[in-house]
N, C-alpha and C. Protein backbone atom coordinates (compact mmCIF):
# COMPACT_ATOMS: atom_id res chain seq x y z
N UNK A 1 -71.26 131.75 135.20
CA UNK A 1 -69.93 132.03 135.75
C UNK A 1 -70.24 131.80 137.39
N UNK A 2 -69.69 131.10 137.93
CA UNK A 2 -69.73 131.24 139.49
C UNK A 2 -69.74 132.62 139.98
N UNK A 3 -70.82 133.20 140.40
CA UNK A 3 -71.06 134.37 141.32
C UNK A 3 -69.88 134.82 141.96
N UNK A 4 -69.05 133.58 142.99
CA UNK A 4 -67.75 134.24 143.93
C UNK A 4 -66.76 134.11 142.94
N UNK A 5 -66.52 133.76 142.08
CA UNK A 5 -65.32 133.40 141.51
C UNK A 5 -64.69 135.28 140.63
N UNK A 6 -63.43 135.18 141.63
CA UNK A 6 -62.73 136.44 140.93
C UNK A 6 -61.96 136.72 140.09
N UNK A 7 -62.23 137.42 139.17
CA UNK A 7 -61.12 137.42 137.84
C UNK A 7 -59.78 137.95 137.97
N UNK A 8 -59.09 136.62 138.47
CA UNK A 8 -57.88 137.31 138.72
C UNK A 8 -56.54 136.04 137.78
N UNK A 9 -55.75 136.48 137.95
CA UNK A 9 -54.88 135.17 136.77
C UNK A 9 -54.96 134.19 137.45
N UNK A 10 -54.94 133.73 138.78
CA UNK A 10 -54.92 132.32 139.53
C UNK A 10 -56.34 131.94 139.45
N UNK A 11 -57.57 132.52 138.82
CA UNK A 11 -58.33 131.44 138.19
C UNK A 11 -58.51 130.73 136.94
N UNK A 12 -57.88 131.74 135.84
CA UNK A 12 -57.66 131.91 134.88
C UNK A 12 -56.99 129.91 134.13
N UNK A 13 -58.05 129.94 133.09
CA UNK A 13 -57.54 128.45 132.53
C UNK A 13 -55.91 128.13 131.98
N UNK A 14 -55.70 129.64 131.71
CA UNK A 14 -54.33 130.06 131.21
C UNK A 14 -53.33 130.05 131.95
N UNK A 15 -53.01 130.18 133.02
CA UNK A 15 -52.61 130.39 134.46
C UNK A 15 -51.88 129.30 134.63
N UNK A 16 -50.22 129.28 134.81
CA UNK A 16 -49.56 127.97 134.97
C UNK A 16 -48.33 128.40 136.26
N UNK A 17 -48.67 127.18 137.13
CA UNK A 17 -47.75 127.57 138.24
C UNK A 17 -46.23 127.27 137.73
N UNK A 18 -45.50 127.63 138.64
CA UNK A 18 -43.91 127.83 138.44
C UNK A 18 -43.63 127.11 139.34
N UNK A 19 -43.69 125.73 140.06
CA UNK A 19 -42.82 125.50 141.35
C UNK A 19 -41.61 125.90 141.47
N UNK A 20 -41.28 126.14 143.06
CA UNK A 20 -40.17 127.10 142.94
C UNK A 20 -39.56 128.31 142.70
N UNK A 21 -40.30 128.93 142.11
CA UNK A 21 -40.21 130.04 141.56
C UNK A 21 -41.06 130.95 142.72
N UNK A 22 -40.92 132.78 142.28
CA UNK A 22 -41.83 133.69 143.09
C UNK A 22 -42.81 134.10 141.73
N UNK A 23 -42.57 133.75 140.75
CA UNK A 23 -43.96 134.15 140.04
C UNK A 23 -44.30 132.88 139.36
N UNK A 24 -45.34 133.19 138.51
CA UNK A 24 -46.25 132.08 137.92
C UNK A 24 -46.06 132.60 136.35
N UNK A 25 -46.51 131.73 135.41
CA UNK A 25 -46.46 132.39 133.93
C UNK A 25 -47.81 131.92 133.26
N UNK A 26 -48.37 133.34 132.72
CA UNK A 26 -49.26 133.64 131.81
C UNK A 26 -49.29 133.02 130.48
N UNK A 27 -49.32 131.84 130.18
CA UNK A 27 -49.81 131.33 129.28
C UNK A 27 -50.52 131.85 127.63
N UNK A 28 -51.18 132.56 127.95
CA UNK A 28 -51.70 133.78 127.09
C UNK A 28 -50.66 134.48 126.52
N UNK A 29 -49.46 135.05 127.46
CA UNK A 29 -48.52 136.45 127.10
C UNK A 29 -47.57 135.31 127.14
N UNK A 30 -47.44 134.34 127.96
CA UNK A 30 -45.81 133.81 128.17
C UNK A 30 -44.61 134.88 129.16
N UNK A 31 -45.45 135.75 129.93
CA UNK A 31 -44.95 136.57 130.74
C UNK A 31 -45.46 136.26 132.30
N UNK A 32 -44.40 136.26 133.29
CA UNK A 32 -44.47 136.15 134.42
C UNK A 32 -45.81 136.94 135.03
N UNK A 33 -46.50 136.19 135.90
CA UNK A 33 -48.04 136.85 136.72
C UNK A 33 -47.77 136.21 137.76
N UNK A 34 -49.10 136.99 138.75
CA UNK A 34 -49.01 136.38 139.82
C UNK A 34 -50.52 136.24 140.44
N UNK A 35 -50.57 134.95 140.85
CA UNK A 35 -52.52 134.46 140.62
C UNK A 35 -53.15 136.07 141.65
N UNK A 36 -52.94 136.85 142.16
CA UNK A 36 -53.82 137.70 142.62
C UNK A 36 -54.14 138.78 141.57
N UNK A 37 -52.99 138.83 140.32
CA UNK A 37 -53.22 139.73 139.81
C UNK A 37 -54.54 139.94 138.95
N UNK A 38 -55.07 141.16 138.49
CA UNK A 38 -56.31 141.46 137.99
C UNK A 38 -56.24 140.87 136.37
N UNK A 39 -57.15 140.01 136.42
CA UNK A 39 -56.86 139.33 134.99
C UNK A 39 -57.11 140.09 133.86
N UNK A 40 -56.37 139.77 132.65
CA UNK A 40 -56.61 140.53 131.52
C UNK A 40 -57.65 140.02 130.47
N UNK A 41 -57.76 140.43 129.27
CA UNK A 41 -59.02 140.48 128.11
C UNK A 41 -58.73 138.91 127.62
N UNK A 42 -57.91 138.16 128.26
CA UNK A 42 -57.73 136.67 127.23
C UNK A 42 -58.29 135.66 128.40
N UNK A 43 -58.79 135.95 129.57
CA UNK A 43 -59.07 135.73 130.94
C UNK A 43 -60.12 134.49 130.36
N UNK A 44 -59.89 132.96 130.91
CA UNK A 44 -60.83 132.53 130.62
C UNK A 44 -60.93 131.37 132.03
N UNK A 45 -62.46 130.95 132.22
CA UNK A 45 -62.99 131.13 133.38
C UNK A 45 -62.55 129.09 133.17
N UNK A 46 -61.64 128.71 134.42
CA UNK A 46 -61.39 127.33 134.55
C UNK A 46 -62.32 126.19 134.87
N UNK A 47 -61.94 125.15 134.23
CA UNK A 47 -63.16 123.98 134.04
C UNK A 47 -62.41 123.33 135.41
N UNK A 48 -63.64 122.49 136.11
CA UNK A 48 -63.60 122.04 136.96
C UNK A 48 -63.48 120.58 136.54
N UNK A 49 -62.55 119.75 136.81
CA UNK A 49 -62.48 118.65 136.55
C UNK A 49 -63.96 117.37 137.10
N UNK A 50 -64.22 117.09 135.71
CA UNK A 50 -65.75 116.18 135.55
C UNK A 50 -66.70 117.44 135.17
N UNK A 51 -66.65 118.20 134.82
CA UNK A 51 -67.70 119.44 134.28
C UNK A 51 -67.45 119.29 133.16
N UNK A 52 -66.81 118.71 132.33
CA UNK A 52 -66.47 118.90 130.93
C UNK A 52 -67.33 118.62 129.97
N UNK A 53 -67.77 119.21 129.10
CA UNK A 53 -68.58 118.56 127.92
C UNK A 53 -68.06 117.67 127.16
N UNK A 54 -68.59 116.43 126.81
CA UNK A 54 -67.98 115.50 125.28
C UNK A 54 -68.53 115.39 124.37
N UNK A 55 -67.57 115.71 123.47
CA UNK A 55 -67.90 115.72 122.67
C UNK A 55 -69.03 114.46 121.88
N UNK A 56 -69.58 114.77 121.11
CA UNK A 56 -70.77 113.93 120.76
C UNK A 56 -70.82 113.64 119.70
N UNK A 57 -70.45 111.99 119.65
CA UNK A 57 -70.03 111.02 118.34
C UNK A 57 -71.22 111.01 117.66
N UNK A 58 -71.11 110.86 116.19
CA UNK A 58 -72.07 110.53 114.96
C UNK A 58 -71.72 109.09 114.69
N UNK A 59 -72.85 108.08 114.79
CA UNK A 59 -72.14 107.09 114.26
C UNK A 59 -72.99 106.67 112.83
């Protein structure tokens, strides 16, 4: 984990932006949340684009 990454909803892979609304959505719980809220036990680090691991192809 990046040593500077804060564990909060806004840095979670399950965090969903809700354009035009005051609150966002937690994909794990399905409840409203805010980006700066303290992370829950379902927190998963975001994966930056281009940093994913490709599945090995067996031929």
